Amino acid sequence: MTIADDGIPVKKVPQGRVAAASRLRDRRNARAAVPGGDGYTSVVTLMDRIQSTDVLKAVSGDIWSAKIAGRWHTFGVALLLLHVMLAVVGWLLACASAAIWPEARAKFSRVVVGWLCMLATATLAYNALWYPRRSSAPTTTT
């Protein structure tokens, strides 16, 4: 046995592909056997680091409190209502299109999908205009 550059003992084996794979496997096994190299020690070290700082304590604390759960619930309900409103507006626009153009009645479901796609595209376009990527973009006055 010899000692490699990183201090891990390595068995001398003949050269070749199989031998190289064997050496690599032996080195991995040796690293796993090093004290402090197992998963338990890593978890203990992480928990020690979390408990040593107030910021990590606050982040890792009671994340599913009633207040946060209530906010998630409110957000979910609001998001669902917004999607329902989008569907209703798309359906009403499709009904108006069918009343104006009789040929739209034969393809009513396609008209509904078309209006929903138009509304979704408009929503994304308005969002990109109202909330640009760079909020600190320089403004120029002419």
Foldseek 3Di string as FASTA:
>chain_A
DDADPVGFDFDDDDDDDVVVVVRVVSRVVSQCPPPCNDPVNVVVVVVVVLVVDPVSCVVPDDPPDPVVVVVVVVVVVVVVVVVVVLLVVLLVVLVVVCVVDVVSVVVSVVSSVVSSVVVVVVVVVVCCVVPPPDPPDDDDDD
